[in-house]
Amino acid sequence: MRGIRNKGLMGIGTLIIFIAIILVAAVAATVLISTSGSLQQKSLTTGSQAEEGIATGAEGIALQATDGALNHDVEHFEILLRLQAGSEPMNLNNTVVLFDTSTTSQNLLYNDTAGDSMVNAATTKDYSVEWIKKGPDYEVGYLSRGDVIKVKWNCYDCQYAGDAGGIGENKKIKVKIIPRVGSITLIEFTTPDVLTDQRVTLWP
């Protein structure tokens, strides 16, 4: 009888240990599944952000300028833009236009109060936008799918020593369109050797 009782006690102990092992394994599996799901979600989020960062951006179509107050220079600039293929919409309020010459640099911010007109002649710190074509997702303040916009700004005091002149002849220029998230659009050109026309295409 004592042997049977001992075997019964051993059987109960083994069962308790077995149940404990199953519970520990279940808890461990739950933790692993939860961790795996969290990592997968973070991976998807990071991948989505990386894809947005790579894909988002503007594509330049053409850049033109008009004659300034002085002879043989240009002061008023216009660039046609659309979204890159597959790009997310660009928030213009978070988009900077950087305009560099050999002697000056302008950081231009979106002026949503200027409407379709040129920016205020008294400032060279902002740019205005005119929607040449409105796409199906058109929204004020955004460059969206199907949109074609004309970004306009002024460049005064662009000559060396700040003589209130514009960009002269045979000058190298860099224009960068910099969104908050996404790729930078870089346009480089040199003004013609002779500027005689009131309106001139500078790029492409």
N, C-alpha and C. Protein backbone atom coordinates (compact mmCIF):
# COMPACT_ATOMS: atom_id res chain seq x y z
N MET A 1 0.82 -1.20 0.00
CA MET A 1 0.00 0.00 0.00
C MET A 1 0.86 1.26 0.00
N ARG A 2 1.95 1.19 0.81
CA ARG A 2 2.83 2.36 0.88
C ARG A 2 3.46 2.64 -0.48
N GLY A 3 3.82 1.59 -1.22
CA GLY A 3 4.42 1.78 -2.55
C GLY A 3 3.45 2.41 -3.52
N ILE A 4 2.18 1.97 -3.44
CA ILE A 4 1.17 2.56 -4.34
C ILE A 4 0.96 4.02 -4.01
N ARG A 5 0.93 4.34 -2.65
CA ARG A 5 0.74 5.73 -2.23
C ARG A 5 1.88 6.61 -2.71
N ASN A 6 3.11 6.10 -2.60
CA ASN A 6 4.28 6.87 -3.06
C ASN A 6 4.23 7.12 -4.56
N LYS A 7 3.81 6.10 -5.29
CA LYS A 7 3.69 6.27 -6.74
C LYS A 7 2.62 7.31 -7.08
N GLY A 8 1.53 7.29 -6.28
CA GLY A 8 0.47 8.29 -6.52
C GLY A 8 0.96 9.69 -6.26
N LEU A 9 1.73 9.85 -5.16
CA LEU A 9 2.28 11.18 -4.86
C LEU A 9 3.25 11.64 -5.93
N MET A 10 4.07 10.71 -6.41
CA MET A 10 5.01 11.05 -7.48
C MET A 10 4.26 11.44 -8.75
N GLY A 11 3.16 10.75 -9.01
CA GLY A 11 2.37 11.07 -10.21
C GLY A 11 1.77 12.46 -10.13
N ILE A 12 1.27 12.84 -8.95
CA ILE A 12 0.71 14.19 -8.77
C ILE A 12 1.79 15.25 -8.92
N GLY A 13 2.97 14.98 -8.34
CA GLY A 13 4.08 15.93 -8.47
C GLY A 13 4.51 16.12 -9.91
N THR A 14 4.58 15.00 -10.63
CA THR A 14 4.95 15.09 -12.06
C THR A 14 3.92 15.88 -12.84
N LEU A 15 2.63 15.66 -12.51
CA LEU A 15 1.56 16.38 -13.21
C LEU A 15 1.65 17.88 -12.95
N ILE A 16 1.94 18.24 -11.69
CA ILE A 16 2.07 19.67 -11.34
C ILE A 16 3.23 20.30 -12.11
N ILE A 17 4.36 19.57 -12.16
CA ILE A 17 5.52 20.08 -12.90
C ILE A 17 5.19 20.22 -14.38
N PHE A 18 4.47 19.24 -14.92
CA PHE A 18 4.09 19.28 -16.34
C PHE A 18 3.20 20.48 -16.65
N ILE A 19 2.21 20.70 -15.76
CA ILE A 19 1.30 21.85 -15.94
C ILE A 19 2.08 23.16 -15.85
N ALA A 20 3.03 23.23 -14.91
CA ALA A 20 3.84 24.44 -14.76
C ALA A 20 4.67 24.70 -16.01
N ILE A 21 5.23 23.62 -16.58
CA ILE A 21 6.02 23.78 -17.81
C ILE A 21 5.15 24.30 -18.95
N ILE A 22 3.93 23.75 -19.05
CA ILE A 22 3.00 24.20 -20.10
C ILE A 22 2.66 25.68 -19.93
N LEU A 23 2.41 26.10 -18.67
CA LEU A 23 2.07 27.50 -18.41
C LEU A 23 3.23 28.43 -18.76
N VAL A 24 4.44 28.02 -18.37
CA VAL A 24 5.63 28.83 -18.69
C VAL A 24 5.81 28.93 -20.20
N ALA A 25 5.62 27.81 -20.89
CA ALA A 25 5.76 27.82 -22.36
C ALA A 25 4.71 28.71 -23.00
N ALA A 26 3.48 28.68 -22.45
CA ALA A 26 2.40 29.51 -23.00
C ALA A 26 2.71 30.99 -22.81
N VAL A 27 3.20 31.34 -21.61
CA VAL A 27 3.56 32.75 -21.35
C VAL A 27 4.70 33.19 -22.27
N ALA A 28 5.69 32.32 -22.43
CA ALA A 28 6.82 32.65 -23.31
C ALA A 28 6.37 32.83 -24.75
N ALA A 29 5.46 31.96 -25.20
CA ALA A 29 4.95 32.07 -26.57
C ALA A 29 4.18 33.36 -26.76
N THR A 30 3.38 33.74 -25.73
CA THR A 30 2.63 35.00 -25.81
C THR A 30 3.56 36.20 -25.92
N VAL A 31 4.63 36.18 -25.11
CA VAL A 31 5.61 37.27 -25.15
C VAL A 31 6.29 37.34 -26.51
N LEU A 32 6.66 36.18 -27.05
CA LEU A 32 7.32 36.14 -28.36
C LEU A 32 6.41 36.66 -29.46
N ILE A 33 5.14 36.24 -29.43
CA ILE A 33 4.18 36.70 -30.45
C ILE A 33 3.98 38.20 -30.35
N SER A 34 3.83 38.70 -29.10
CA SER A 34 3.65 40.13 -28.90
C SER A 34 4.85 40.93 -29.38
N THR A 35 6.05 40.44 -29.03
CA THR A 35 7.28 41.12 -29.47
C THR A 35 7.42 41.09 -30.98
N SER A 36 7.11 39.95 -31.57
CA SER A 36 7.20 39.81 -33.03
C SER A 36 6.25 40.76 -33.73
N GLY A 37 5.01 40.87 -33.20
CA GLY A 37 4.03 41.78 -33.79
C GLY A 37 4.46 43.22 -33.68
N SER A 38 5.03 43.58 -32.50
CA SER A 38 5.51 44.95 -32.30
C SER A 38 6.65 45.29 -33.25
N LEU A 39 7.59 44.35 -33.39
CA LEU A 39 8.72 44.57 -34.30
C LEU A 39 8.25 44.68 -35.74
N GLN A 40 7.27 43.84 -36.10
CA GLN A 40 6.75 43.89 -37.47
C GLN A 40 6.08 45.23 -37.75
N GLN A 41 5.30 45.72 -36.75
CA GLN A 41 4.63 47.01 -36.91
C GLN A 41 5.65 48.13 -37.05
N LYS A 42 6.70 48.09 -36.20
CA LYS A 42 7.75 49.11 -36.29
C LYS A 42 8.46 49.04 -37.64
N SER A 43 8.67 47.82 -38.11
CA SER A 43 9.33 47.64 -39.41
C SER A 43 8.50 48.21 -40.54
N LEU A 44 7.17 47.96 -40.48
CA LEU A 44 6.28 48.49 -41.51
C LEU A 44 6.24 50.01 -41.46
N THR A 45 6.19 50.57 -40.23
CA THR A 45 6.16 52.02 -40.09
C THR A 45 7.44 52.65 -40.61
N THR A 46 8.58 52.06 -40.23
CA THR A 46 9.87 52.57 -40.70
C THR A 46 9.99 52.47 -42.20
N GLY A 47 9.53 51.34 -42.75
CA GLY A 47 9.57 51.16 -44.21
C GLY A 47 8.70 52.17 -44.93
N SER A 48 7.51 52.44 -44.35
CA SER A 48 6.62 53.42 -44.96
C SER A 48 7.23 54.81 -44.93
N GLN A 49 7.85 55.16 -43.79
CA GLN A 49 8.50 56.47 -43.68
C GLN A 49 9.67 56.59 -44.64
N ALA A 50 10.44 55.50 -44.76
CA ALA A 50 11.59 55.52 -45.67
C ALA A 50 11.12 55.66 -47.11
N GLU A 51 10.03 54.95 -47.46
CA GLU A 51 9.50 55.03 -48.82
C GLU A 51 9.00 56.43 -49.12
N GLU A 52 8.32 57.06 -48.13
CA GLU A 52 7.84 58.42 -48.31
C GLU A 52 9.01 59.38 -48.48
N GLY A 53 10.07 59.17 -47.67
CA GLY A 53 11.23 60.03 -47.76
C GLY A 53 11.93 59.95 -49.10
N ILE A 54 11.93 58.75 -49.69
CA ILE A 54 12.59 58.57 -50.98
C ILE A 54 11.72 59.07 -52.12
N ALA A 55 10.41 58.78 -52.04
CA ALA A 55 9.52 59.04 -53.18
C ALA A 55 9.07 60.49 -53.26
N THR A 56 8.83 61.14 -52.11
CA THR A 56 8.26 62.47 -52.11
C THR A 56 9.24 63.49 -52.68
N GLY A 57 8.74 64.32 -53.59
CA GLY A 57 9.59 65.35 -54.17
C GLY A 57 8.94 65.97 -55.39
N ALA A 58 9.48 67.10 -55.82
CA ALA A 58 8.96 67.82 -56.98
C ALA A 58 9.87 67.61 -58.18
N GLU A 59 9.28 67.73 -59.34
CA GLU A 59 10.03 67.63 -60.60
C GLU A 59 9.94 68.97 -61.33
N GLY A 60 11.10 69.54 -61.67
CA GLY A 60 11.12 70.79 -62.41
C GLY A 60 10.76 70.58 -63.87
N ILE A 61 9.98 71.51 -64.43
CA ILE A 61 9.58 71.44 -65.84
C ILE A 61 10.30 72.51 -66.64
N ALA A 62 10.26 73.74 -66.16
CA ALA A 62 10.93 74.84 -66.86
C ALA A 62 11.13 76.00 -65.89
N LEU A 63 12.17 76.80 -66.14
CA LEU A 63 12.44 77.98 -65.32
C LEU A 63 12.66 79.17 -66.24
N GLN A 64 11.92 80.24 -65.95
CA GLN A 64 12.03 81.47 -66.75
C GLN A 64 12.23 82.67 -65.84
N ALA A 65 12.67 83.76 -66.43
CA ALA A 65 12.86 85.00 -65.68
C ALA A 65 12.52 86.19 -66.57
N THR A 66 12.16 87.30 -65.93
CA THR A 66 11.85 88.52 -66.66
C THR A 66 12.81 89.62 -66.27
N ASP A 67 12.90 90.60 -67.15
CA ASP A 67 13.87 91.69 -67.03
C ASP A 67 13.65 92.49 -65.76
N GLY A 68 14.75 92.96 -65.18
CA GLY A 68 14.69 93.78 -63.99
C GLY A 68 14.72 95.26 -64.31
N ALA A 69 14.94 96.07 -63.27
CA ALA A 69 14.95 97.52 -63.42
C ALA A 69 16.19 97.99 -64.18
N LEU A 70 17.29 97.27 -64.05
CA LEU A 70 18.51 97.66 -64.74
C LEU A 70 18.62 96.93 -66.07
N ASN A 71 19.48 97.40 -66.92
CA ASN A 71 19.70 96.73 -68.21
C ASN A 71 20.51 95.45 -68.02
N HIS A 72 20.22 94.47 -68.87
CA HIS A 72 21.01 93.23 -68.91
C HIS A 72 21.02 92.47 -67.59
N ASP A 73 19.86 92.41 -66.93
CA ASP A 73 19.73 91.56 -65.75
C ASP A 73 18.30 91.04 -65.66
N VAL A 74 18.09 90.05 -64.80
CA VAL A 74 16.75 89.50 -64.56
C VAL A 74 16.51 89.47 -63.06
N GLU A 75 15.27 89.80 -62.66
CA GLU A 75 14.95 89.89 -61.24
C GLU A 75 13.76 89.03 -60.82
N HIS A 76 12.84 88.76 -61.73
CA HIS A 76 11.62 88.04 -61.40
C HIS A 76 11.70 86.63 -61.98
N PHE A 77 11.59 85.62 -61.11
CA PHE A 77 11.81 84.23 -61.53
C PHE A 77 10.54 83.41 -61.36
N GLU A 78 10.37 82.46 -62.29
CA GLU A 78 9.22 81.55 -62.26
C GLU A 78 9.69 80.15 -62.61
N ILE A 79 9.26 79.17 -61.84
CA ILE A 79 9.59 77.78 -62.16
C ILE A 79 8.32 76.93 -62.13
N LEU A 80 8.14 76.12 -63.16
CA LEU A 80 7.01 75.20 -63.22
C LEU A 80 7.40 73.89 -62.54
N LEU A 81 6.52 73.41 -61.66
CA LEU A 81 6.79 72.17 -60.92
C LEU A 81 5.59 71.24 -60.97
N ARG A 82 5.87 69.95 -60.86
CA ARG A 82 4.85 68.92 -60.64
C ARG A 82 5.46 67.87 -59.73
N LEU A 83 4.63 66.97 -59.23
CA LEU A 83 5.15 65.91 -58.36
C LEU A 83 5.95 64.89 -59.15
N GLN A 84 6.96 64.32 -58.51
CA GLN A 84 7.64 63.18 -59.09
C GLN A 84 6.67 62.00 -59.17
N ALA A 85 6.92 61.08 -60.07
CA ALA A 85 6.07 59.89 -60.20
C ALA A 85 6.04 59.12 -58.88
N GLY A 86 4.84 58.83 -58.40
CA GLY A 86 4.69 58.07 -57.16
C GLY A 86 4.87 58.87 -55.90
N SER A 87 5.02 60.18 -56.02
CA SER A 87 5.27 61.02 -54.85
C SER A 87 4.00 61.25 -54.04
N GLU A 88 4.18 61.39 -52.73
CA GLU A 88 3.12 61.84 -51.85
C GLU A 88 2.94 63.35 -52.05
N PRO A 89 1.77 63.91 -51.70
CA PRO A 89 1.58 65.36 -51.80
C PRO A 89 2.61 66.12 -50.97
N MET A 90 3.01 67.29 -51.46
CA MET A 90 3.98 68.13 -50.76
C MET A 90 3.28 69.31 -50.11
N ASN A 91 3.51 69.48 -48.83
CA ASN A 91 2.97 70.63 -48.11
C ASN A 91 3.87 71.83 -48.38
N LEU A 92 3.36 72.82 -49.09
CA LEU A 92 4.18 73.97 -49.46
C LEU A 92 4.57 74.81 -48.25
N ASN A 93 3.76 74.76 -47.20
CA ASN A 93 4.10 75.50 -45.98
C ASN A 93 5.36 74.96 -45.32
N ASN A 94 5.72 73.72 -45.65
CA ASN A 94 6.93 73.11 -45.10
C ASN A 94 8.02 72.95 -46.16
N THR A 95 7.87 73.66 -47.27
CA THR A 95 8.81 73.54 -48.38
C THR A 95 9.58 74.85 -48.56
N VAL A 96 10.89 74.75 -48.59
CA VAL A 96 11.76 75.91 -48.73
C VAL A 96 12.36 75.93 -50.14
N VAL A 97 12.42 77.12 -50.73
CA VAL A 97 13.12 77.31 -51.99
C VAL A 97 14.43 78.04 -51.68
N LEU A 98 15.54 77.40 -52.00
CA LEU A 98 16.86 78.00 -51.77
C LEU A 98 17.40 78.48 -53.11
N PHE A 99 17.72 79.78 -53.18
CA PHE A 99 18.16 80.42 -54.42
C PHE A 99 19.57 80.95 -54.19
N ASP A 100 20.56 80.34 -54.84
CA ASP A 100 21.97 80.68 -54.60
C ASP A 100 22.61 81.26 -55.85
N THR A 101 23.35 82.37 -55.66
CA THR A 101 24.22 82.89 -56.69
C THR A 101 25.65 82.84 -56.14
N SER A 102 26.59 83.36 -56.90
CA SER A 102 27.98 83.35 -56.44
C SER A 102 28.21 84.32 -55.29
N THR A 103 27.28 85.27 -55.10
CA THR A 103 27.48 86.29 -54.07
C THR A 103 26.37 86.35 -53.04
N THR A 104 25.21 85.76 -53.31
CA THR A 104 24.08 85.86 -52.39
C THR A 104 23.37 84.52 -52.25
N SER A 105 22.55 84.43 -51.21
CA SER A 105 21.72 83.25 -50.98
C SER A 105 20.40 83.68 -50.37
N GLN A 106 19.30 83.18 -50.91
CA GLN A 106 17.97 83.50 -50.40
C GLN A 106 17.28 82.22 -49.96
N ASN A 107 16.73 82.23 -48.74
CA ASN A 107 15.87 81.15 -48.25
C ASN A 107 14.43 81.64 -48.34
N LEU A 108 13.67 81.08 -49.25
CA LEU A 108 12.33 81.57 -49.54
C LEU A 108 11.28 80.65 -48.95
N LEU A 109 10.28 81.23 -48.27
CA LEU A 109 9.19 80.48 -47.67
C LEU A 109 7.89 80.77 -48.42
N TYR A 110 6.96 79.83 -48.34
CA TYR A 110 5.69 79.96 -49.05
C TYR A 110 4.85 81.09 -48.46
N ASN A 111 4.38 81.99 -49.32
CA ASN A 111 3.50 83.09 -48.93
C ASN A 111 2.10 82.77 -49.43
N ASP A 112 1.25 82.26 -48.54
CA ASP A 112 -0.09 81.84 -48.96
C ASP A 112 -1.06 83.00 -49.09
N THR A 113 -0.63 84.22 -48.75
CA THR A 113 -1.52 85.38 -48.88
C THR A 113 -1.28 86.15 -50.17
N ALA A 114 -0.25 85.76 -50.93
CA ALA A 114 0.08 86.49 -52.15
C ALA A 114 -0.83 86.09 -53.31
N GLY A 115 -1.55 84.97 -53.18
CA GLY A 115 -2.43 84.54 -54.26
C GLY A 115 -1.65 84.19 -55.50
N ASP A 116 -2.25 84.47 -56.66
CA ASP A 116 -1.60 84.15 -57.92
C ASP A 116 -0.69 85.27 -58.41
N SER A 117 -0.63 86.37 -57.68
CA SER A 117 0.19 87.50 -58.11
C SER A 117 1.64 87.27 -57.74
N MET A 118 2.49 88.16 -58.23
CA MET A 118 3.90 88.10 -57.83
C MET A 118 4.01 88.43 -56.35
N VAL A 119 5.07 88.00 -55.72
CA VAL A 119 5.27 88.34 -54.32
C VAL A 119 5.48 89.83 -54.18
N ASN A 120 5.26 90.32 -52.99
CA ASN A 120 5.40 91.74 -52.72
C ASN A 120 6.80 92.21 -53.10
N ALA A 121 6.86 93.28 -53.87
CA ALA A 121 8.15 93.78 -54.36
C ALA A 121 9.07 94.23 -53.23
N ALA A 122 8.50 94.43 -52.04
CA ALA A 122 9.31 94.93 -50.92
C ALA A 122 10.04 93.81 -50.19
N THR A 123 9.76 92.55 -50.55
CA THR A 123 10.39 91.45 -49.83
C THR A 123 10.99 90.45 -50.79
N THR A 124 12.07 89.84 -50.37
CA THR A 124 12.67 88.76 -51.15
C THR A 124 12.81 87.52 -50.27
N LYS A 125 11.92 87.40 -49.28
CA LYS A 125 11.99 86.31 -48.32
C LYS A 125 10.93 85.24 -48.55
N ASP A 126 10.07 85.41 -49.53
CA ASP A 126 9.04 84.42 -49.74
C ASP A 126 8.76 84.21 -51.22
N TYR A 127 7.96 83.19 -51.51
CA TYR A 127 7.55 82.91 -52.88
C TYR A 127 6.04 82.70 -52.92
N SER A 128 5.45 83.00 -54.05
CA SER A 128 4.02 82.77 -54.24
C SER A 128 3.84 81.61 -55.21
N VAL A 129 2.63 81.07 -55.26
CA VAL A 129 2.34 79.92 -56.10
C VAL A 129 1.06 80.16 -56.89
N GLU A 130 1.12 79.86 -58.18
CA GLU A 130 -0.05 79.90 -59.06
C GLU A 130 -0.29 78.49 -59.58
N TRP A 131 -1.53 78.01 -59.44
CA TRP A 131 -1.87 76.68 -59.94
C TRP A 131 -2.22 76.78 -61.42
N ILE A 132 -1.29 76.32 -62.27
CA ILE A 132 -1.51 76.31 -63.71
C ILE A 132 -2.51 75.22 -64.09
N LYS A 133 -2.40 74.08 -63.42
CA LYS A 133 -3.32 72.96 -63.62
C LYS A 133 -3.65 72.36 -62.27
N LYS A 134 -4.95 72.15 -62.03
CA LYS A 134 -5.39 71.57 -60.76
C LYS A 134 -5.77 70.11 -60.98
N GLY A 135 -5.09 69.22 -60.25
CA GLY A 135 -5.34 67.80 -60.37
C GLY A 135 -6.57 67.36 -59.59
N PRO A 136 -6.89 66.06 -59.61
CA PRO A 136 -8.08 65.56 -58.91
C PRO A 136 -7.99 65.69 -57.40
N ASP A 137 -6.79 65.79 -56.86
CA ASP A 137 -6.60 65.91 -55.40
C ASP A 137 -6.20 67.32 -55.00
N TYR A 138 -6.55 68.31 -55.83
CA TYR A 138 -6.13 69.70 -55.59
C TYR A 138 -6.53 70.18 -54.20
N GLU A 139 -5.57 70.84 -53.54
CA GLU A 139 -5.81 71.47 -52.25
C GLU A 139 -4.87 72.65 -52.12
N VAL A 140 -5.42 73.80 -51.71
CA VAL A 140 -4.59 74.99 -51.55
C VAL A 140 -3.49 74.72 -50.53
N GLY A 141 -2.28 75.13 -50.87
CA GLY A 141 -1.15 74.94 -49.96
C GLY A 141 -0.42 73.63 -50.15
N TYR A 142 -0.88 72.81 -51.12
CA TYR A 142 -0.24 71.52 -51.38
C TYR A 142 0.02 71.35 -52.87
N LEU A 143 1.13 70.69 -53.19
CA LEU A 143 1.38 70.22 -54.54
C LEU A 143 0.95 68.76 -54.57
N SER A 144 -0.17 68.50 -55.25
CA SER A 144 -0.78 67.17 -55.23
C SER A 144 -0.71 66.51 -56.59
N ARG A 145 -1.14 65.26 -56.64
CA ARG A 145 -1.13 64.48 -57.88
C ARG A 145 -1.93 65.20 -58.96
N GLY A 146 -1.32 65.37 -60.12
CA GLY A 146 -1.98 66.01 -61.25
C GLY A 146 -1.84 67.52 -61.30
N ASP A 147 -1.30 68.13 -60.23
CA ASP A 147 -1.12 69.58 -60.21
C ASP A 147 0.11 69.98 -61.01
N VAL A 148 0.02 71.16 -61.62
CA VAL A 148 1.19 71.85 -62.17
C VAL A 148 1.15 73.26 -61.60
N ILE A 149 2.21 73.64 -60.90
CA ILE A 149 2.23 74.95 -60.26
C ILE A 149 3.37 75.80 -60.81
N LYS A 150 3.17 77.11 -60.69
CA LYS A 150 4.22 78.07 -61.04
C LYS A 150 4.66 78.76 -59.76
N VAL A 151 5.90 78.51 -59.36
CA VAL A 151 6.47 79.14 -58.16
C VAL A 151 7.19 80.41 -58.59
N LYS A 152 6.85 81.53 -57.93
CA LYS A 152 7.36 82.84 -58.36
C LYS A 152 8.04 83.55 -57.19
N TRP A 153 9.17 84.18 -57.48
CA TRP A 153 9.87 84.95 -56.46
C TRP A 153 10.70 86.05 -57.12
N ASN A 154 11.17 86.99 -56.30
CA ASN A 154 11.98 88.10 -56.77
C ASN A 154 13.41 87.97 -56.26
N CYS A 155 14.33 88.54 -57.00
CA CYS A 155 15.73 88.56 -56.57
C CYS A 155 16.28 89.96 -56.77
N TYR A 156 16.25 90.74 -55.68
CA TYR A 156 16.88 92.06 -55.70
C TYR A 156 18.20 91.98 -54.93
N ASP A 157 19.02 93.00 -55.11
CA ASP A 157 20.33 93.03 -54.44
C ASP A 157 21.11 91.76 -54.69
N CYS A 158 21.00 91.24 -55.90
CA CYS A 158 21.71 89.99 -56.24
C CYS A 158 23.09 90.25 -56.81
N GLN A 159 23.38 91.48 -57.12
CA GLN A 159 24.70 91.80 -57.65
C GLN A 159 25.67 92.00 -56.50
N TYR A 160 26.93 91.85 -56.79
CA TYR A 160 27.96 92.07 -55.77
C TYR A 160 27.88 93.49 -55.24
N ALA A 161 28.05 93.67 -53.93
CA ALA A 161 28.01 94.97 -53.25
C ALA A 161 26.59 95.49 -53.11
N GLY A 162 25.56 94.67 -53.44
CA GLY A 162 24.18 95.03 -53.17
C GLY A 162 23.74 96.32 -53.81
N ASP A 163 23.82 96.39 -55.13
CA ASP A 163 23.46 97.63 -55.81
C ASP A 163 22.02 97.60 -56.31
N ALA A 164 21.16 96.80 -55.67
CA ALA A 164 19.74 96.71 -56.01
C ALA A 164 19.51 96.13 -57.39
N GLY A 165 20.51 95.47 -57.94
CA GLY A 165 20.35 94.85 -59.26
C GLY A 165 19.94 93.41 -59.15
N GLY A 166 19.55 92.83 -60.29
CA GLY A 166 19.17 91.43 -60.34
C GLY A 166 20.35 90.55 -60.72
N ILE A 167 20.05 89.44 -61.39
CA ILE A 167 21.08 88.52 -61.84
C ILE A 167 21.61 88.99 -63.19
N GLY A 168 22.89 89.18 -63.27
CA GLY A 168 23.49 89.66 -64.51
C GLY A 168 23.78 88.55 -65.50
N GLU A 169 24.51 88.88 -66.52
CA GLU A 169 24.84 87.94 -67.60
C GLU A 169 25.94 86.97 -67.17
N ASN A 170 25.85 85.73 -67.68
CA ASN A 170 26.86 84.70 -67.46
C ASN A 170 27.11 84.45 -65.96
N LYS A 171 26.01 84.28 -65.22
CA LYS A 171 26.10 84.01 -63.78
C LYS A 171 25.57 82.60 -63.49
N LYS A 172 26.29 81.88 -62.63
CA LYS A 172 25.87 80.54 -62.25
C LYS A 172 24.84 80.61 -61.12
N ILE A 173 23.76 79.85 -61.28
CA ILE A 173 22.66 79.87 -60.33
C ILE A 173 22.33 78.44 -59.90
N LYS A 174 21.98 78.28 -58.63
CA LYS A 174 21.45 77.01 -58.11
C LYS A 174 20.11 77.27 -57.44
N VAL A 175 19.13 76.46 -57.80
CA VAL A 175 17.81 76.52 -57.16
C VAL A 175 17.54 75.15 -56.55
N LYS A 176 17.21 75.13 -55.26
CA LYS A 176 16.88 73.89 -54.57
C LYS A 176 15.47 73.97 -54.01
N ILE A 177 14.66 72.95 -54.31
CA ILE A 177 13.33 72.82 -53.73
C ILE A 177 13.45 71.79 -52.61
N ILE A 178 13.26 72.23 -51.36
CA ILE A 178 13.55 71.37 -50.21
C ILE A 178 12.27 71.12 -49.41
N PRO A 179 11.63 69.95 -49.56
CA PRO A 179 10.46 69.62 -48.74
C PRO A 179 10.90 69.19 -47.34
N ARG A 180 9.96 69.21 -46.40
CA ARG A 180 10.29 68.77 -45.04
C ARG A 180 10.67 67.29 -45.03
N VAL A 181 9.94 66.50 -45.81
CA VAL A 181 10.24 65.07 -45.96
C VAL A 181 10.34 64.76 -47.44
N GLY A 182 11.40 64.11 -47.84
CA GLY A 182 11.53 63.74 -49.25
C GLY A 182 12.85 64.17 -49.85
N SER A 183 12.92 64.04 -51.16
CA SER A 183 14.16 64.33 -51.87
C SER A 183 14.21 65.79 -52.30
N ILE A 184 15.42 66.33 -52.37
CA ILE A 184 15.65 67.71 -52.79
C ILE A 184 15.72 67.78 -54.31
N THR A 185 15.02 68.76 -54.87
CA THR A 185 15.09 69.00 -56.31
C THR A 185 16.15 70.07 -56.58
N LEU A 186 17.16 69.74 -57.36
CA LEU A 186 18.25 70.67 -57.65
C LEU A 186 18.22 71.06 -59.12
N ILE A 187 18.23 72.36 -59.37
CA ILE A 187 18.27 72.89 -60.74
C ILE A 187 19.44 73.86 -60.83
N GLU A 188 20.34 73.61 -61.75
CA GLU A 188 21.51 74.46 -61.94
C GLU A 188 21.53 75.00 -63.37
N PHE A 189 21.90 76.25 -63.51
CA PHE A 189 21.97 76.84 -64.84
C PHE A 189 22.88 78.07 -64.79
N THR A 190 23.23 78.56 -65.96
CA THR A 190 24.02 79.78 -66.11
C THR A 190 23.25 80.74 -66.99
N THR A 191 23.14 81.98 -66.56
CA THR A 191 22.42 82.96 -67.37
C THR A 191 23.16 83.19 -68.69
N PRO A 192 22.42 83.60 -69.73
CA PRO A 192 23.05 83.79 -71.05
C PRO A 192 24.17 84.83 -71.02
N ASP A 193 25.04 84.73 -72.00
CA ASP A 193 26.12 85.72 -72.12
C ASP A 193 25.58 87.10 -72.43
N VAL A 194 24.43 87.13 -73.11
CA VAL A 194 23.80 88.41 -73.45
C VAL A 194 22.32 88.34 -73.07
N LEU A 195 21.87 89.27 -72.23
CA LEU A 195 20.47 89.36 -71.84
C LEU A 195 19.84 90.57 -72.51
N THR A 196 19.07 90.33 -73.56
CA THR A 196 18.43 91.42 -74.28
C THR A 196 16.91 91.30 -74.25
N ASP A 197 16.40 90.06 -74.14
CA ASP A 197 14.95 89.86 -74.14
C ASP A 197 14.38 90.20 -72.77
N GLN A 198 13.11 90.66 -72.79
CA GLN A 198 12.45 90.98 -71.53
C GLN A 198 12.12 89.71 -70.75
N ARG A 199 11.86 88.63 -71.47
CA ARG A 199 11.57 87.34 -70.84
C ARG A 199 12.48 86.27 -71.44
N VAL A 200 13.12 85.47 -70.58
CA VAL A 200 14.09 84.50 -71.08
C VAL A 200 13.91 83.17 -70.35
N THR A 201 14.04 82.07 -71.10
CA THR A 201 14.02 80.73 -70.51
C THR A 201 15.44 80.37 -70.09
N LEU A 202 15.62 80.07 -68.81
CA LEU A 202 16.95 79.79 -68.27
C LEU A 202 17.22 78.30 -68.09
N TRP A 203 16.15 77.51 -68.00
CA TRP A 203 16.30 76.06 -67.81
C TRP A 203 15.03 75.36 -68.25
N PRO A 204 15.01 74.24 -68.93
CA PRO A 204 16.21 73.49 -69.33
C PRO A 204 16.83 74.08 -70.58
